[in-house]
């Protein structure tokens, strides 16, 4: 498996995680819990952006 294909696979998984975090943040009844999910969502967004930039460089 090439580095590019591994990056694509990782990005797909992270985007799935991102979707799950969105659902959890929406469904959480406690504001603090929702904030934690939103913070994690922001972190995953940054990681996804970094990996997409890296993928552009190696392709």
Protein backbone atom coordinates (compact mmCIF):
# COMPACT_ATOMS: atom_id res chain seq x y z
CA UNK A 1 0.00 0.00 0.00
CA UNK A 2 1.42 3.36 -1.00
CA UNK A 3 1.66 6.40 1.23
CA UNK A 4 -0.96 8.16 -0.89
CA UNK A 5 -3.46 5.35 -0.53
CA UNK A 6 -2.80 5.15 3.21
CA UNK A 7 -3.44 8.89 3.50
CA UNK A 8 -6.69 8.55 1.55
CA UNK A 9 -7.80 5.71 3.79
CA UNK A 10 -6.93 7.70 6.91
CA UNK A 11 -8.80 10.74 5.59
CA UNK A 12 -11.89 8.63 4.92
CA UNK A 13 -11.80 7.26 8.47
CA UNK A 14 -11.31 10.71 9.97
CA UNK A 15 -14.23 12.10 7.99
CA UNK A 16 -16.36 9.28 9.39
CA UNK A 17 -15.20 10.15 12.90
CA UNK A 18 -16.02 13.78 12.19
CA UNK A 19 -19.58 12.84 11.22
CA UNK A 20 -19.98 10.83 14.40
CA UNK A 21 -18.71 13.72 16.51
CA UNK A 22 -21.23 16.05 14.84
CA UNK A 23 -24.06 13.68 15.73
CA UNK A 24 -22.87 13.33 19.32
CA UNK A 25 -22.48 17.08 19.77
CA UNK A 26 -25.99 17.64 18.45
CA UNK A 27 -27.54 14.91 20.58
CA UNK A 28 -25.78 15.75 23.83
CA UNK A 29 -28.09 17.18 26.45
CA UNK A 30 -25.42 18.80 28.57
CA UNK A 31 -23.79 21.92 27.19
CA UNK A 32 -20.36 21.02 28.56
CA UNK A 33 -20.45 17.62 26.86
CA UNK A 34 -21.50 19.25 23.59
CA UNK A 35 -18.60 21.66 23.91
CA UNK A 36 -16.16 18.78 24.35
CA UNK A 37 -17.48 17.12 21.18
CA UNK A 38 -17.26 20.43 19.31
CA UNK A 39 -13.67 20.88 20.45
CA UNK A 40 -12.82 17.38 19.23
CA UNK A 41 -14.58 18.21 15.98
CA UNK A 42 -12.37 21.27 15.55
CA UNK A 43 -9.25 19.22 16.21
CA UNK A 44 -10.22 16.57 13.67
CA UNK A 45 -10.97 19.31 11.14
CA UNK A 46 -7.44 20.66 11.57
CA UNK A 47 -5.93 17.19 11.17
CA UNK A 48 -8.04 16.52 8.07
CA UNK A 49 -6.94 19.82 6.55
CA UNK A 50 -3.28 19.07 7.25
CA UNK A 51 -3.53 15.59 5.75
CA UNK A 52 -5.36 16.89 2.65
CA UNK A 53 -2.55 19.40 2.12
CA UNK A 54 0.03 16.67 2.52
CA UNK A 55 -1.84 14.48 0.04
CA UNK A 56 -1.80 17.30 -2.53
CA UNK A 57 1.97 17.57 -2.18
CA UNK A 58 2.67 13.89 -2.73
CA UNK A 59 0.32 13.37 -5.67
